[in-house]
Protein backbone atom coordinates (compact mmCIF):
# COMPACT_ATOMS: atom_id res chain seq x y z
CA MET A 1 115.15 -4.60 -94.96
CA THR A 2 111.92 -3.87 -96.80
CA ASP A 3 109.99 -6.35 -98.86
CA VAL A 4 110.77 -6.63 -102.54
CA VAL A 5 108.37 -4.57 -104.63
CA THR A 6 106.94 -6.84 -107.31
CA ASN A 7 104.96 -5.85 -110.39
CA GLU A 8 101.80 -6.56 -108.39
CA HIS A 9 102.85 -4.02 -105.76
CA ILE A 10 103.61 -1.47 -108.46
CA GLU A 11 100.23 -1.97 -110.11
CA ALA A 12 98.43 -1.71 -106.78
CA ASN A 13 100.23 1.53 -106.00
CA ALA A 14 99.37 2.93 -109.42
CA ALA A 15 95.67 2.14 -108.83
CA ASP A 16 94.06 1.42 -112.18
CA GLN A 17 96.83 2.99 -114.22
CA ARG A 18 98.78 0.99 -116.74
CA PRO A 19 102.37 1.83 -117.62
CA ILE A 20 102.80 4.62 -120.12
CA LEU A 21 106.03 2.90 -121.19
CA GLU A 22 106.95 -0.73 -120.60
CA ALA A 23 109.97 -2.77 -121.66
CA LYS A 24 109.80 -6.54 -121.29
CA GLY A 25 112.64 -9.02 -121.56
CA ILE A 26 115.16 -6.55 -122.93
CA SER A 27 118.58 -8.03 -123.69
CA LYS A 28 121.59 -6.46 -125.36
CA ALA A 29 125.10 -7.78 -125.89
CA PHE A 30 128.23 -6.17 -127.26
CA GLY A 31 130.34 -9.06 -128.44
CA HIS A 32 130.90 -11.32 -125.44
CA VAL A 33 129.72 -8.66 -122.97
CA GLN A 34 126.09 -9.05 -121.90
CA ALA A 35 125.10 -5.45 -121.13
CA LEU A 36 121.43 -6.24 -120.42
CA ASP A 37 120.00 -9.65 -119.57
CA ASP A 38 116.20 -10.10 -119.81
CA VAL A 39 115.39 -6.77 -118.13
CA ASP A 40 111.82 -5.63 -117.45
CA PHE A 41 111.20 -1.94 -116.87
CA GLU A 42 108.12 0.26 -116.60
CA LEU A 43 107.18 3.90 -116.22
CA TYR A 44 103.79 5.10 -115.02
CA PRO A 45 102.14 8.44 -115.83
CA ALA A 46 103.20 11.41 -113.71
CA GLU A 47 105.90 9.67 -111.69
CA VAL A 48 109.61 10.17 -111.20
CA VAL A 49 111.72 7.02 -111.41
CA ALA A 50 115.42 6.81 -110.61
CA LEU A 51 117.53 4.27 -112.46
CA VAL A 52 120.56 3.49 -110.32
CA GLY A 53 123.49 1.12 -110.37
CA ASP A 54 127.25 1.02 -110.45
CA ASN A 55 129.33 1.65 -113.56
CA GLY A 56 128.71 -1.20 -116.00
CA ALA A 57 125.33 -2.05 -114.50
CA GLY A 58 123.53 -1.44 -117.81
CA LYS A 59 121.90 1.92 -117.10
CA SER A 60 123.28 3.72 -120.14
CA THR A 61 122.50 0.77 -122.41
CA LEU A 62 118.87 0.62 -121.27
CA VAL A 63 118.47 4.38 -121.66
CA LYS A 64 119.96 4.30 -125.16
CA ILE A 65 117.56 1.52 -126.14
CA LEU A 66 114.59 3.51 -124.82
CA SER A 67 115.95 6.58 -126.65
CA GLY A 68 116.27 4.70 -129.93
CA ILE A 69 120.06 4.98 -130.11
CA TYR A 70 120.70 1.26 -129.60
CA ARG A 71 118.64 -1.58 -131.03
CA LYS A 72 117.73 -4.29 -128.54
CA ASP A 73 118.74 -7.88 -129.28
CA SER A 74 115.49 -9.24 -127.86
CA GLY A 75 112.43 -8.17 -125.92
CA GLN A 76 109.60 -5.74 -126.64
CA ILE A 77 108.83 -2.12 -125.83
CA TYR A 78 105.26 -0.92 -125.36
CA PHE A 79 103.89 2.63 -125.32
CA GLU A 80 100.42 2.92 -123.78
CA GLY A 81 100.03 -0.83 -124.18
CA GLN A 82 100.91 -0.92 -127.88
CA PRO A 83 104.17 -2.45 -129.17
CA VAL A 84 106.59 0.02 -130.73
CA GLU A 85 109.88 -0.42 -132.56
CA LEU A 86 112.35 2.35 -131.81
CA ARG A 87 114.78 2.39 -134.72
CA GLY A 88 116.19 5.79 -133.88
CA PRO A 89 115.76 8.86 -131.65
CA LYS A 90 113.08 10.25 -133.96
CA ASP A 91 111.03 7.06 -133.46
CA ALA A 92 111.40 7.43 -129.68
CA GLU A 93 110.10 10.99 -129.92
CA ARG A 94 107.38 10.37 -132.49
CA LEU A 95 106.08 6.96 -131.40
CA ALA A 96 106.57 7.13 -127.64
CA GLY A 97 106.86 10.83 -126.76
CA ILE A 98 110.32 10.30 -125.28
CA SER A 99 112.88 13.07 -125.01
CA THR A 100 116.35 12.39 -123.61
CA VAL A 101 118.39 15.21 -122.12
CA TYR A 102 122.04 14.17 -121.95
CA GLN A 103 124.76 15.77 -119.87
CA ASP A 104 126.02 17.87 -122.78
CA LEU A 105 122.44 19.28 -123.24
CA ALA A 106 123.00 19.86 -127.01
CA LEU A 107 122.35 23.59 -126.74
CA VAL A 108 123.64 26.30 -129.09
CA GLY A 109 125.49 28.65 -126.77
CA VAL A 110 125.66 31.62 -129.14
CA ARG A 111 121.89 31.65 -129.67
CA ASP A 112 119.30 32.96 -127.24
CA VAL A 113 117.02 30.97 -124.97
CA ALA A 114 113.96 31.26 -127.21
CA SER A 115 115.85 30.13 -130.31
CA ASN A 116 117.19 27.09 -128.44
CA ILE A 117 113.75 26.10 -127.18
CA PHE A 118 112.23 26.23 -130.67
CA LEU A 119 115.33 25.18 -132.60
CA ASN A 120 114.29 24.10 -136.12
CA MET A 121 110.61 24.71 -135.32
CA GLU A 122 110.51 28.50 -135.06
CA PRO A 123 107.10 30.11 -135.71
CA THR A 124 107.02 31.97 -139.01
CA ARG A 125 105.08 34.64 -140.86
CA LEU A 126 104.01 33.80 -144.40
CA GLY A 127 105.94 30.56 -144.00
CA ILE A 128 109.19 32.43 -144.61
CA PHE A 129 110.11 34.92 -141.90
CA ILE A 130 110.62 34.02 -138.25
CA ASP A 131 107.88 35.58 -136.15
CA PHE A 132 110.07 36.83 -133.30
CA ASN A 133 107.20 38.26 -131.28
CA LYS A 134 105.51 34.86 -131.24
CA LEU A 135 108.83 33.08 -130.69
CA TYR A 136 109.61 35.10 -127.56
CA ALA A 137 106.04 34.91 -126.25
CA GLU A 138 105.86 31.12 -126.67
CA ALA A 139 109.30 30.65 -125.12
CA ARG A 140 108.28 32.73 -122.12
CA ARG A 141 105.09 30.68 -121.78
CA VAL A 142 107.07 27.41 -121.63
CA ILE A 143 109.59 28.88 -119.18
CA ASP A 144 106.76 30.08 -116.95
CA VAL A 145 105.02 26.68 -117.01
CA LEU A 146 108.21 25.13 -115.65
CA ARG A 147 108.72 28.01 -113.20
CA ILE A 148 112.32 28.52 -114.30
CA ASP A 149 114.15 31.56 -112.98
CA MET A 150 114.98 33.13 -116.35
CA PRO A 151 115.22 36.93 -116.52
CA SER A 152 114.89 37.03 -120.31
CA VAL A 153 114.36 34.58 -123.17
CA LYS A 154 116.55 36.85 -125.31
CA VAL A 155 119.77 36.16 -123.39
CA ASN A 156 122.33 33.85 -125.02
CA VAL A 157 122.56 30.37 -123.52
CA ASN A 158 126.31 30.64 -122.91
CA GLU A 159 125.55 33.38 -120.35
CA LEU A 160 123.34 31.09 -118.23
CA SER A 161 124.09 29.02 -115.15
CA GLY A 162 124.20 25.23 -115.33
CA GLY A 163 120.77 24.89 -113.78
CA GLN A 164 119.27 27.40 -116.20
CA ARG A 165 120.79 25.51 -119.14
CA GLN A 166 119.16 22.32 -117.89
CA GLY A 167 115.91 24.27 -117.82
CA VAL A 168 116.32 25.36 -121.44
CA ALA A 169 117.02 21.79 -122.59
CA ILE A 170 113.94 20.49 -120.76
CA SER A 171 111.85 23.41 -122.04
CA ARG A 172 112.75 22.43 -125.60
CA ALA A 173 111.43 18.91 -124.99
CA LEU A 174 108.27 20.28 -123.38
CA ALA A 175 107.68 22.63 -126.33
CA ARG A 176 107.78 19.61 -128.62
CA GLY A 177 104.98 17.97 -126.68
CA ARG A 178 107.05 15.20 -125.08
CA ARG A 179 105.44 13.15 -122.30
CA ILE A 180 108.43 11.16 -121.05
CA PHE A 181 111.65 12.90 -120.03
CA ILE A 182 114.87 10.95 -119.57
CA LEU A 183 117.46 13.01 -117.70
CA ASP A 184 121.03 11.71 -117.72
CA GLU A 185 122.92 12.84 -114.59
CA PRO A 186 121.04 16.16 -114.49
CA THR A 187 122.83 17.49 -111.40
CA ALA A 188 126.36 16.42 -112.32
CA ALA A 189 128.90 19.25 -111.94
CA LEU A 190 126.27 21.61 -110.50
CA GLY A 191 126.57 23.51 -107.24
CA VAL A 192 124.14 22.93 -104.40
CA GLU A 193 121.87 25.87 -105.29
CA GLN A 194 121.68 24.83 -108.93
CA GLN A 195 120.98 21.23 -107.92
CA HIS A 196 117.98 22.43 -105.92
CA LYS A 197 116.70 24.31 -108.95
CA VAL A 198 116.97 21.21 -111.14
CA ASN A 199 115.14 19.20 -108.46
CA ASP A 200 112.35 21.79 -108.48
CA LEU A 201 112.20 21.53 -112.27
CA ILE A 202 111.81 17.74 -112.13
CA LEU A 203 109.01 17.98 -109.59
CA THR A 204 107.30 20.64 -111.72
CA LEU A 205 107.36 18.26 -114.69
CA LYS A 206 105.66 15.67 -112.51
CA ASP A 207 103.05 18.26 -111.44
CA GLU A 208 102.41 18.90 -115.13
CA GLY A 209 101.57 15.21 -115.60
CA LYS A 210 104.87 14.24 -117.23
CA THR A 211 106.85 11.11 -116.49
CA VAL A 212 110.53 11.54 -115.61
CA LEU A 213 113.30 8.95 -115.61
CA VAL A 214 116.43 10.15 -113.82
CA ILE A 215 119.79 8.40 -114.17
CA SER A 216 122.05 9.47 -111.34
CA HIS A 217 124.89 8.37 -109.09
CA ASN A 218 123.82 11.01 -106.56
CA LEU A 219 121.56 9.17 -104.10
CA GLU A 220 120.84 12.38 -102.18
CA HIS A 221 119.41 13.83 -105.38
CA VAL A 222 117.54 10.62 -106.14
CA PHE A 223 115.88 10.49 -102.73
CA THR A 224 114.80 14.10 -103.10
CA VAL A 225 112.83 13.65 -106.33
CA ALA A 226 112.11 9.97 -107.06
CA ASP A 227 108.92 8.07 -106.32
CA ARG A 228 110.50 4.73 -107.22
CA LEU A 229 114.04 3.45 -107.59
CA VAL A 230 115.00 0.68 -110.01
CA VAL A 231 118.38 -0.95 -109.38
CA LEU A 232 120.46 -2.61 -112.09
CA ARG A 233 123.49 -4.76 -111.39
CA ARG A 234 125.62 -6.46 -114.05
CA GLY A 235 122.90 -6.13 -116.64
CA LYS A 236 120.08 -7.46 -114.49
CA ARG A 237 117.28 -5.75 -112.63
CA VAL A 238 117.84 -6.72 -109.01
CA GLY A 239 115.30 -4.61 -107.18
CA THR A 240 112.56 -2.00 -107.26
CA ARG A 241 111.79 0.08 -104.20
CA PHE A 242 109.37 2.86 -103.40
CA LYS A 243 111.26 5.71 -101.79
CA SER A 244 108.95 5.68 -98.80
CA GLN A 245 109.72 2.01 -98.18
CA THR A 246 113.50 1.97 -98.43
CA THR A 247 116.69 3.63 -97.24
CA ARG A 248 119.89 4.81 -98.84
CA GLU A 249 121.68 1.95 -97.11
CA GLU A 250 119.41 -0.63 -98.72
CA ILE A 251 119.83 0.88 -102.17
CA VAL A 252 123.63 0.91 -101.75
CA GLY A 253 123.41 -2.74 -100.66
CA LEU A 254 121.48 -3.64 -103.81
CA ILE A 255 123.94 -1.75 -106.00
CA THR A 256 127.02 -3.37 -104.43
CA ALA A 257 125.50 -6.88 -103.96
CA ALA A 258 125.79 -6.60 -100.17
CA ILE A 259 122.05 -7.32 -100.44
CA LYS A 260 121.29 -10.06 -102.92
CA GLY A 261 118.03 -8.52 -104.21
CA ASP A 262 115.57 -10.19 -106.49
CA ILE A 263 115.15 -10.12 -110.22
CA VAL A 264 111.65 -8.76 -110.91
CA ASP A 265 109.78 -11.03 -113.32
């Protein structure tokens, strides 16, 4: 078994970098159920972190707090070292540059790729008419940055594959200038080929200097893309491991309590 990765190890690995996003002492209860209990969590610039744990571990609750959907009961969230209060998804986007892509993707199937990418922020002429030439050109630019296999930005989203739809949802966040991408089960219900394309997309985001948090039950996927893995169990953070210093067996042991783990202070 590898050594527990403490905050000091994380900071040493990140050289002189400080977290772009940090949550300290986050707790959240729903009635008598303690969903999160004094959880610390951090994301560094240009890294991919996997948040893993069994059902009921607290993953969704933590993500919804970071996305502004839930309000924490206690604790503090920091963006680039400054405290922020996320009272809603718009605060998460505006104050911390966070975009969350859920499994349903929130795309408009009967509209084309370009319109979905720039939904409600279409470029206009004279402030009135949509500038379609600019819309299509800017959409193609974003698609090309992410190296998505997309034959045309004029095709309707409901004609795309699952992997391509993931690409459109992530492109929309990139077009809005987001720096932190939270992806909820991004490869769920996708075939092997489409999973590979989503993996490539995540690694491209990292190459572009973005930070990616992946929530997934698929450890094969996680070990393909993640730099670090953070394990939650029954609302507590029980371990952090660098991918290069751990194994699937150890992560499963932390998830199932076969390995006790350590709560990171």
